[in-house]
Amino acid sequence: MQNVAIIPARGGSKRIPYKNLAELAGKPLLAWTIEAALDAWTIDAVFVSTEDRLIAHTARRYGAEVIERPSDLALDTTGTEPVLLHALDWLDARCHIQPERVVLLQCTSPLRGPEVINRAVQKCATTGCDSVVGVHPTIDYFFSGAIDGDQLTVAYDPLNRPRTQEITPRYRENGSTYVVDTAFLKRTGCRMGGDMRAVVMTPTEGIDIDDLNDLALAQMHMERLGSHTTIERPALSLFG
C-alpha cells in the first residue's frame, strides 16, 4: 500500500468529554473524518488508532479498521508521533502493511473533506517531498500586541495601518491534515520537516474543534453547507 490514513482518537478529553464521539450534524465527530478518508481516492486504507472500546466500535461502524493502541500511548501528555510509530509497527506485524506514506487526519477537523486529502497526498507523491502540512491563510497576526502592566504595545504603526485587503497573508498550521513519507517519519521521529510543502485550505475547512464553541461553529457551517444527513457505511474489513 502506498498511502494509509491514520486517525488518532483516544477516549480521554477534558474540555468535551468523549469529544471524538460528540454529535455533529447527526453523526459522531469521528465519522466525518473516516468518511472523508474513505471518499479520498488517494487513500488505500483507513485506520483509527484508539485504546477505547466505544471509539473502536464507532470506527468500525463507519467503515474504518482499528489499531489497538496501548493505554500508555493515550495519555494527555502523549505526543502524536509515538502514536504514528506504534501504528506503523502494528500494521507491519498484524497486517504486513508497510505504506510509503502516512496520512495523519485529526478527527477534530470535520470540515476537511476528501478533496483536501487528495491534494495533500498528490503533492507529496508528485513532488517527492518529505512532508505536507495543512494550512489556511490568516491576517490576524497583524492586529496583535502585548500588554506590559497597563501599557499596550502593538506590532504595527497605528498611524499607517493598512486595510486588511492589503496585507499579505501568513499561513497557520491548522492541525487537520499531514502527509509524511514513512522513511522520513521513522528516521526523524517527526511528521513535519525536511522538504516540507503546504496544502492550503479555507479557514472553514481548517476549523479545529477544541471546545463547545468550536463545536457550535462547526455545526453552523455544516448546516450552511447542507451536510447534516446521517450516512452509515457497511464495515469493510481487511481481515475477512
C-alpha atoms as a PDB file:
ATOM      1  CA  MET A   1       0.000   0.000   0.000  1.00  0.00           C
ATOM      2  CA  GLN A   2       1.187   3.494  -0.783  1.00  0.00           C
ATOM      3  CA  ASN A   3      -0.997   5.758   1.361  1.00  0.00           C
ATOM      4  CA  VAL A   4      -2.513   4.732   4.685  1.00  0.00           C
ATOM      5  CA  ALA A   5      -4.698   7.155   6.634  1.00  0.00           C
ATOM      6  CA  ILE A   6      -4.279   7.021  10.396  1.00  0.00           C
ATOM      7  CA  ILE A   7      -6.851   8.799  12.582  1.00  0.00           C
ATOM      8  CA  PRO A   8      -5.845   9.082  16.259  1.00  0.00           C
ATOM      9  CA  ALA A   9      -8.879   9.027  18.556  1.00  0.00           C
ATOM     10  CA  ARG A  10      -8.353   8.395  22.246  1.00  0.00           C
ATOM     11  CA  GLY A  11     -11.138   8.198  24.778  1.00  0.00           C
ATOM     12  CA  GLY A  12      -9.914  10.881  27.175  1.00  0.00           C
ATOM     13  CA  SER A  13     -10.899  14.512  26.711  1.00  0.00           C
ATOM     14  CA  LYS A  14     -11.057  17.259  29.314  1.00  0.00           C
ATOM     15  CA  ARG A  15     -12.968  20.148  27.702  1.00  0.00           C
ATOM     16  CA  ILE A  16     -15.574  17.990  25.930  1.00  0.00           C
ATOM     17  CA  PRO A  17     -15.966  14.517  27.487  1.00  0.00           C
ATOM     18  CA  TYR A  18     -15.685  11.874  24.770  1.00  0.00           C
ATOM     19  CA  LYS A  19     -15.095  14.684  22.290  1.00  0.00           C
ATOM     20  CA  ASN A  20     -14.244  12.361  19.412  1.00  0.00           C
ATOM     21  CA  LEU A  21     -17.757  10.906  19.626  1.00  0.00           C
ATOM     22  CA  ALA A  22     -19.583  14.203  20.192  1.00  0.00           C
ATOM     23  CA  GLU A  23     -22.562  14.510  17.859  1.00  0.00           C
ATOM     24  CA  LEU A  24     -22.108  16.886  14.955  1.00  0.00           C
ATOM     25  CA  ALA A  25     -24.848  17.252  12.352  1.00  0.00           C
ATOM     26  CA  GLY A  26     -26.251  13.820  13.068  1.00  0.00           C
ATOM     27  CA  LYS A  27     -23.004  11.854  13.264  1.00  0.00           C
ATOM     28  CA  PRO A  28     -20.206  11.281  15.751  1.00  0.00           C
ATOM     29  CA  LEU A  29     -17.358  13.718  15.174  1.00  0.00           C
ATOM     30  CA  LEU A  30     -15.058  10.808  14.309  1.00  0.00           C
ATOM     31  CA  ALA A  31     -17.345   9.711  11.464  1.00  0.00           C
ATOM     32  CA  TRP A  32     -16.771  12.862   9.398  1.00  0.00           C
ATOM     33  CA  THR A  33     -13.039  12.237   9.077  1.00  0.00           C
ATOM     34  CA  ILE A  34     -13.459   8.499   8.478  1.00  0.00           C
ATOM     35  CA  GLU A  35     -15.872   9.175   5.649  1.00  0.00           C
ATOM     36  CA  ALA A  36     -13.671  11.885   4.125  1.00  0.00           C
ATOM     37  CA  ALA A  37     -10.738   9.449   4.113  1.00  0.00           C
ATOM     38  CA  LEU A  38     -12.826   6.651   2.623  1.00  0.00           C
ATOM     39  CA  ASP A  39     -14.035   9.020  -0.113  1.00  0.00           C
ATOM     40  CA  ALA A  40     -10.494  10.142  -0.981  1.00  0.00           C
ATOM     41  CA  TRP A  41      -9.276   8.173  -3.996  1.00  0.00           C
ATOM     42  CA  THR A  42      -5.643   8.629  -2.932  1.00  0.00           C
ATOM     43  CA  ILE A  43      -6.130   6.660   0.296  1.00  0.00           C
ATOM     44  CA  ASP A  44      -5.600   2.895   0.181  1.00  0.00           C
ATOM     45  CA  ALA A  45      -6.782   2.060   3.714  1.00  0.00           C
ATOM     46  CA  VAL A  46      -8.213   3.900   6.719  1.00  0.00           C
ATOM     47  CA  PHE A  47      -7.291   3.066  10.320  1.00  0.00           C
ATOM     48  CA  VAL A  48      -8.371   4.558  13.637  1.00  0.00           C
ATOM     49  CA  SER A  49      -5.830   4.290  16.458  1.00  0.00           C
ATOM     50  CA  THR A  50      -7.574   4.060  19.824  1.00  0.00           C
ATOM     51  CA  GLU A  51      -7.435   2.466  23.252  1.00  0.00           C
ATOM     52  CA  ASP A  52     -11.180   2.889  23.777  1.00  0.00           C
ATOM     53  CA  ARG A  53     -13.730   0.151  23.030  1.00  0.00           C
ATOM     54  CA  LEU A  54     -16.611   2.519  22.264  1.00  0.00           C
ATOM     55  CA  ILE A  55     -14.495   4.534  19.840  1.00  0.00           C
ATOM     56  CA  ALA A  56     -13.294   1.297  18.236  1.00  0.00           C
ATOM     57  CA  HIS A  57     -16.899   0.167  17.781  1.00  0.00           C
ATOM     58  CA  THR A  58     -17.843   3.520  16.221  1.00  0.00           C
ATOM     59  CA  ALA A  59     -14.830   3.450  13.906  1.00  0.00           C
ATOM     60  CA  ARG A  60     -15.776   0.014  12.577  1.00  0.00           C
ATOM     61  CA  ARG A  61     -19.412   1.077  12.255  1.00  0.00           C
ATOM     62  CA  TYR A  62     -18.374   3.834   9.848  1.00  0.00           C
ATOM     63  CA  GLY A  63     -16.017   1.653   7.801  1.00  0.00           C
ATOM     64  CA  ALA A  64     -12.544   2.089   9.315  1.00  0.00           C
ATOM     65  CA  GLU A  65     -10.197  -0.586  10.617  1.00  0.00           C
ATOM     66  CA  VAL A  66      -8.974  -0.273  14.212  1.00  0.00           C
ATOM     67  CA  ILE A  67      -5.419  -0.201  15.525  1.00  0.00           C
ATOM     68  CA  GLU A  68      -5.327  -1.334  19.143  1.00  0.00           C
ATOM     69  CA  ARG A  69      -3.398   1.381  20.951  1.00  0.00           C
ATOM     70  CA  PRO A  70      -1.943   0.640  24.407  1.00  0.00           C
ATOM     71  CA  SER A  71      -3.252   2.818  27.232  1.00  0.00           C
ATOM     72  CA  ASP A  72       0.202   4.290  27.921  1.00  0.00           C
ATOM     73  CA  LEU A  73       0.015   5.905  24.470  1.00  0.00           C
ATOM     74  CA  ALA A  74      -3.360   7.500  25.222  1.00  0.00           C
ATOM     75  CA  LEU A  75      -2.377   9.927  27.974  1.00  0.00           C
ATOM     76  CA  ASP A  76      -2.837  13.708  27.999  1.00  0.00           C
ATOM     77  CA  THR A  77       0.928  14.021  27.589  1.00  0.00           C
ATOM     78  CA  THR A  78       1.264  11.555  24.696  1.00  0.00           C
ATOM     79  CA  GLY A  79       2.591  13.117  21.504  1.00  0.00           C
ATOM     80  CA  THR A  80       1.291  12.348  18.036  1.00  0.00           C
ATOM     81  CA  GLU A  81       4.474  10.825  16.612  1.00  0.00           C
ATOM     82  CA  PRO A  82       4.701   7.930  19.116  1.00  0.00           C
ATOM     83  CA  VAL A  83       1.119   7.047  18.157  1.00  0.00           C
ATOM     84  CA  LEU A  84       2.019   7.046  14.458  1.00  0.00           C
ATOM     85  CA  LEU A  85       5.150   4.956  15.000  1.00  0.00           C
ATOM     86  CA  HIS A  86       3.173   2.446  17.067  1.00  0.00           C
ATOM     87  CA  ALA A  87       0.583   2.306  14.275  1.00  0.00           C
ATOM     88  CA  LEU A  88       3.279   1.546  11.700  1.00  0.00           C
ATOM     89  CA  ASP A  89       4.686  -1.257  13.847  1.00  0.00           C
ATOM     90  CA  TRP A  90       1.180  -2.624  14.397  1.00  0.00           C
ATOM     91  CA  LEU A  91       0.367  -2.534  10.672  1.00  0.00           C
ATOM     92  CA  ASP A  92       3.599  -4.325   9.824  1.00  0.00           C
ATOM     93  CA  ALA A  93       3.192  -7.001  12.490  1.00  0.00           C
ATOM     94  CA  ARG A  94      -0.562  -7.617  12.156  1.00  0.00           C
ATOM     95  CA  CYS A  95      -1.321  -6.828   8.508  1.00  0.00           C
ATOM     96  CA  HIS A  96       2.085  -6.980   6.779  1.00  0.00           C
ATOM     97  CA  ILE A  97       1.421  -3.420   5.560  1.00  0.00           C
ATOM     98  CA  GLN A  98       4.381  -1.107   5.009  1.00  0.00           C
ATOM     99  CA  PRO A  99       2.949   2.083   3.490  1.00  0.00           C
ATOM    100  CA  GLU A 100       5.038   4.500   1.502  1.00  0.00           C
ATOM    101  CA  ARG A 101       3.276   7.468   3.096  1.00  0.00           C
ATOM    102  CA  VAL A 102       1.316   8.054   6.290  1.00  0.00           C
ATOM    103  CA  VAL A 103      -1.679  10.399   6.064  1.00  0.00           C
ATOM    104  CA  LEU A 104      -2.442  11.742   9.534  1.00  0.00           C
ATOM    105  CA  LEU A 105      -6.001  13.036   9.835  1.00  0.00           C
ATOM    106  CA  GLN A 106      -7.203  14.587  13.085  1.00  0.00           C
ATOM    107  CA  CYS A 107     -10.874  13.851  13.695  1.00  0.00           C
ATOM    108  CA  THR A 108     -11.305  17.277  15.322  1.00  0.00           C
ATOM    109  CA  SER A 109     -11.303  18.789  11.799  1.00  0.00           C
ATOM    110  CA  PRO A 110     -14.636  17.570  10.404  1.00  0.00           C
ATOM    111  CA  LEU A 111     -14.919  20.122   7.585  1.00  0.00           C
ATOM    112  CA  ARG A 112     -11.766  18.982   5.819  1.00  0.00           C
ATOM    113  CA  GLY A 113     -13.150  16.867   3.002  1.00  0.00           C
ATOM    114  CA  PRO A 114     -11.717  14.305   0.584  1.00  0.00           C
ATOM    115  CA  GLU A 115     -10.624  16.956  -1.918  1.00  0.00           C
ATOM    116  CA  VAL A 116      -8.172  18.435   0.590  1.00  0.00           C
ATOM    117  CA  ILE A 117      -6.838  14.964   1.418  1.00  0.00           C
ATOM    118  CA  ASN A 118      -6.354  14.174  -2.256  1.00  0.00           C
ATOM    119  CA  ARG A 119      -4.479  17.416  -2.897  1.00  0.00           C
ATOM    120  CA  ALA A 120      -2.198  16.822   0.072  1.00  0.00           C
ATOM    121  CA  VAL A 121      -1.344  13.261  -0.924  1.00  0.00           C
ATOM    122  CA  GLN A 122      -0.854  14.176  -4.575  1.00  0.00           C
ATOM    123  CA  LYS A 123       1.503  16.999  -3.626  1.00  0.00           C
ATOM    124  CA  CYS A 124       3.647  14.630  -1.583  1.00  0.00           C
ATOM    125  CA  ALA A 125       3.628  11.979  -4.305  1.00  0.00           C
ATOM    126  CA  THR A 126       4.312  14.256  -7.275  1.00  0.00           C
ATOM    127  CA  THR A 127       6.991  16.423  -5.648  1.00  0.00           C
ATOM    128  CA  GLY A 128       8.730  13.622  -3.738  1.00  0.00           C
ATOM    129  CA  CYS A 129       8.836  15.881  -0.682  1.00  0.00           C
ATOM    130  CA  ASP A 130       9.213  14.623   2.880  1.00  0.00           C
ATOM    131  CA  SER A 131       6.039  16.093   4.328  1.00  0.00           C
ATOM    132  CA  VAL A 132       2.906  18.092   3.548  1.00  0.00           C
ATOM    133  CA  VAL A 133       1.085  20.185   6.152  1.00  0.00           C
ATOM    134  CA  GLY A 134      -2.484  21.507   6.082  1.00  0.00           C
ATOM    135  CA  VAL A 135      -2.648  25.293   6.494  1.00  0.00           C
ATOM    136  CA  HIS A 136      -5.079  28.142   5.984  1.00  0.00           C
ATOM    137  CA  PRO A 137      -4.426  31.855   5.424  1.00  0.00           C
ATOM    138  CA  THR A 138      -4.673  34.322   8.278  1.00  0.00           C
ATOM    139  CA  ILE A 139      -4.095  38.047   8.759  1.00  0.00           C
ATOM    140  CA  ASP A 140      -4.912  38.069  12.484  1.00  0.00           C
ATOM    141  CA  TYR A 141      -1.234  38.326  13.393  1.00  0.00           C
ATOM    142  CA  PHE A 142      -1.077  41.910  12.120  1.00  0.00           C
ATOM    143  CA  PHE A 143      -3.598  43.342  14.568  1.00  0.00           C
ATOM    144  CA  SER A 144      -1.966  41.924  17.681  1.00  0.00           C
ATOM    145  CA  GLY A 145       0.065  43.245  20.560  1.00  0.00           C
ATOM    146  CA  ALA A 146       1.166  42.749  24.151  1.00  0.00           C
ATOM    147  CA  ILE A 147       0.256  44.351  27.492  1.00  0.00           C
ATOM    148  CA  ASP A 148       3.044  45.207  29.932  1.00  0.00           C
ATOM    149  CA  GLY A 149       1.492  46.396  33.161  1.00  0.00           C
ATOM    150  CA  ASP A 150      -1.232  48.624  31.723  1.00  0.00           C
ATOM    151  CA  GLN A 151       0.721  49.645  28.622  1.00  0.00           C
ATOM    152  CA  LEU A 152      -0.393  48.256  25.244  1.00  0.00           C
ATOM    153  CA  THR A 153       2.301  47.772  22.641  1.00  0.00           C
ATOM    154  CA  VAL A 154       1.226  46.748  19.152  1.00  0.00           C
ATOM    155  CA  ALA A 155       3.265  45.165  16.388  1.00  0.00           C
ATOM    156  CA  TYR A 156       2.294  47.739  13.776  1.00  0.00           C
ATOM    157  CA  ASP A 157       2.166  51.501  13.268  1.00  0.00           C
ATOM    158  CA  PRO A 158      -1.362  52.679  14.236  1.00  0.00           C
ATOM    159  CA  LEU A 159      -0.906  55.835  12.118  1.00  0.00           C
ATOM    160  CA  ASN A 160      -0.169  53.814   8.994  1.00  0.00           C
ATOM    161  CA  ARG A 161      -2.285  50.727   9.463  1.00  0.00           C
ATOM    162  CA  PRO A 162      -3.147  49.206   6.061  1.00  0.00           C
ATOM    163  CA  ARG A 163      -6.509  47.744   5.144  1.00  0.00           C
ATOM    164  CA  THR A 164      -6.793  44.005   5.688  1.00  0.00           C
ATOM    165  CA  GLN A 165      -7.142  43.553   1.922  1.00  0.00           C
ATOM    166  CA  GLU A 166      -3.636  44.960   1.514  1.00  0.00           C
ATOM    167  CA  ILE A 167      -1.947  42.611   3.977  1.00  0.00           C
ATOM    168  CA  THR A 168      -0.052  39.645   2.584  1.00  0.00           C
ATOM    169  CA  PRO A 169      -1.469  36.648   4.453  1.00  0.00           C
ATOM    170  CA  ARG A 170       0.575  34.283   6.529  1.00  0.00           C
ATOM    171  CA  TYR A 171      -0.392  30.632   6.807  1.00  0.00           C
ATOM    172  CA  ARG A 172      -1.429  28.902  10.012  1.00  0.00           C
ATOM    173  CA  GLU A 173      -0.881  25.192  10.613  1.00  0.00           C
ATOM    174  CA  ASN A 174      -4.400  24.062  11.482  1.00  0.00           C
ATOM    175  CA  GLY A 175      -3.640  20.514  12.608  1.00  0.00           C
ATOM    176  CA  SER A 176      -6.149  18.838  10.310  1.00  0.00           C
ATOM    177  CA  THR A 177      -4.046  17.094   7.678  1.00  0.00           C
ATOM    178  CA  TYR A 178      -0.488  15.819   7.387  1.00  0.00           C
ATOM    179  CA  VAL A 179       1.197  13.587   4.853  1.00  0.00           C
ATOM    180  CA  VAL A 180       4.637  12.264   5.675  1.00  0.00           C
ATOM    181  CA  ASP A 181       6.998   9.917   3.914  1.00  0.00           C
ATOM    182  CA  THR A 182       7.228   6.809   6.097  1.00  0.00           C
ATOM    183  CA  ALA A 183      11.008   6.558   5.855  1.00  0.00           C
ATOM    184  CA  PHE A 184      11.335  10.209   6.919  1.00  0.00           C
ATOM    185  CA  LEU A 185       8.950   9.691   9.857  1.00  0.00           C
ATOM    186  CA  LYS A 186      10.888   6.669  11.083  1.00  0.00           C
ATOM    187  CA  ARG A 187      14.256   8.372  10.626  1.00  0.00           C
ATOM    188  CA  THR A 188      13.381  11.662  12.335  1.00  0.00           C
ATOM    189  CA  GLY A 189      10.515  10.737  14.630  1.00  0.00           C
ATOM    190  CA  CYS A 190       8.619  13.775  13.312  1.00  0.00           C
ATOM    191  CA  ARG A 191       5.620  14.182  11.000  1.00  0.00           C
ATOM    192  CA  MET A 192       6.874  17.544   9.718  1.00  0.00           C
ATOM    193  CA  GLY A 193      10.133  18.861   8.319  1.00  0.00           C
ATOM    194  CA  GLY A 194      12.673  18.125   5.643  1.00  0.00           C
ATOM    195  CA  ASP A 195      11.408  19.195   2.246  1.00  0.00           C
ATOM    196  CA  MET A 196       8.065  20.425   3.592  1.00  0.00           C
ATOM    197  CA  ARG A 197       5.184  21.641   1.436  1.00  0.00           C
ATOM    198  CA  ALA A 198       1.713  23.016   2.223  1.00  0.00           C
ATOM    199  CA  VAL A 199      -1.806  22.146   1.200  1.00  0.00           C
ATOM    200  CA  VAL A 200      -3.835  25.329   1.512  1.00  0.00           C
ATOM    201  CA  MET A 201      -7.465  25.153   2.584  1.00  0.00           C
ATOM    202  CA  THR A 202     -10.036  27.701   3.647  1.00  0.00           C
ATOM    203  CA  PRO A 203     -10.362  28.745   7.296  1.00  0.00           C
ATOM    204  CA  THR A 204     -13.698  26.904   7.374  1.00  0.00           C
ATOM    205  CA  GLU A 205     -12.109  23.680   6.138  1.00  0.00           C
ATOM    206  CA  GLY A 206      -9.395  24.132   8.741  1.00  0.00           C
ATOM    207  CA  ILE A 207     -11.714  24.523  11.748  1.00  0.00           C
ATOM    208  CA  ASP A 208     -10.314  22.599  14.726  1.00  0.00           C
ATOM    209  CA  ILE A 209     -12.753  21.585  17.445  1.00  0.00           C
ATOM    210  CA  ASP A 210     -11.230  22.193  20.848  1.00  0.00           C
ATOM    211  CA  ASP A 211     -14.214  23.280  22.932  1.00  0.00           C
ATOM    212  CA  LEU A 212     -18.007  23.657  22.807  1.00  0.00           C
ATOM    213  CA  ASN A 213     -17.795  26.989  20.970  1.00  0.00           C
ATOM    214  CA  ASP A 214     -15.819  25.329  18.181  1.00  0.00           C
ATOM    215  CA  LEU A 215     -18.367  22.524  18.040  1.00  0.00           C
ATOM    216  CA  ALA A 216     -21.200  25.032  17.690  1.00  0.00           C
ATOM    217  CA  LEU A 217     -19.292  26.864  14.941  1.00  0.00           C
ATOM    218  CA  ALA A 218     -18.737  23.618  13.044  1.00  0.00           C
ATOM    219  CA  GLN A 219     -22.435  22.778  13.419  1.00  0.00           C
ATOM    220  CA  MET A 220     -23.348  26.153  11.928  1.00  0.00           C
ATOM    221  CA  HIS A 221     -21.097  25.594   8.929  1.00  0.00           C
ATOM    222  CA  MET A 222     -22.397  22.047   8.464  1.00  0.00           C
ATOM    223  CA  GLU A 223     -25.964  23.356   8.357  1.00  0.00           C
ATOM    224  CA  ARG A 224     -24.977  26.102   5.940  1.00  0.00           C
ATOM    225  CA  LEU A 225     -23.314  23.584   3.656  1.00  0.00           C
ATOM    226  CA  GLY A 226     -26.214  21.153   3.921  1.00  0.00           C
ATOM    227  CA  SER A 227     -24.039  18.391   5.448  1.00  0.00           C
ATOM    228  CA  HIS A 228     -26.467  17.068   8.039  1.00  0.00           C
ATOM    229  CA  THR A 229     -27.572  13.700   6.671  1.00  0.00           C
ATOM    230  CA  THR A 230     -26.623  10.627   8.662  1.00  0.00           C
ATOM    231  CA  ILE A 231     -24.996   8.042   6.381  1.00  0.00           C
ATOM    232  CA  GLU A 232     -23.626   4.809   7.719  1.00  0.00           C
ATOM    233  CA  ARG A 233     -21.263   2.687   5.651  1.00  0.00           C
ATOM    234  CA  PRO A 234     -21.027  -1.085   5.719  1.00  0.00           C
ATOM    235  CA  ALA A 235     -17.923  -2.221   7.562  1.00  0.00           C
ATOM    236  CA  LEU A 236     -15.294  -3.483   5.117  1.00  0.00           C
ATOM    237  CA  SER A 237     -12.520  -5.426   6.807  1.00  0.00           C
ATOM    238  CA  LEU A 238      -9.039  -6.245   5.625  1.00  0.00           C
ATOM    239  CA  PHE A 239      -9.185  -9.228   7.917  1.00  0.00           C
ATOM    240  CA  GLY A 240     -12.181 -11.027   6.386  1.00  0.00           C
END
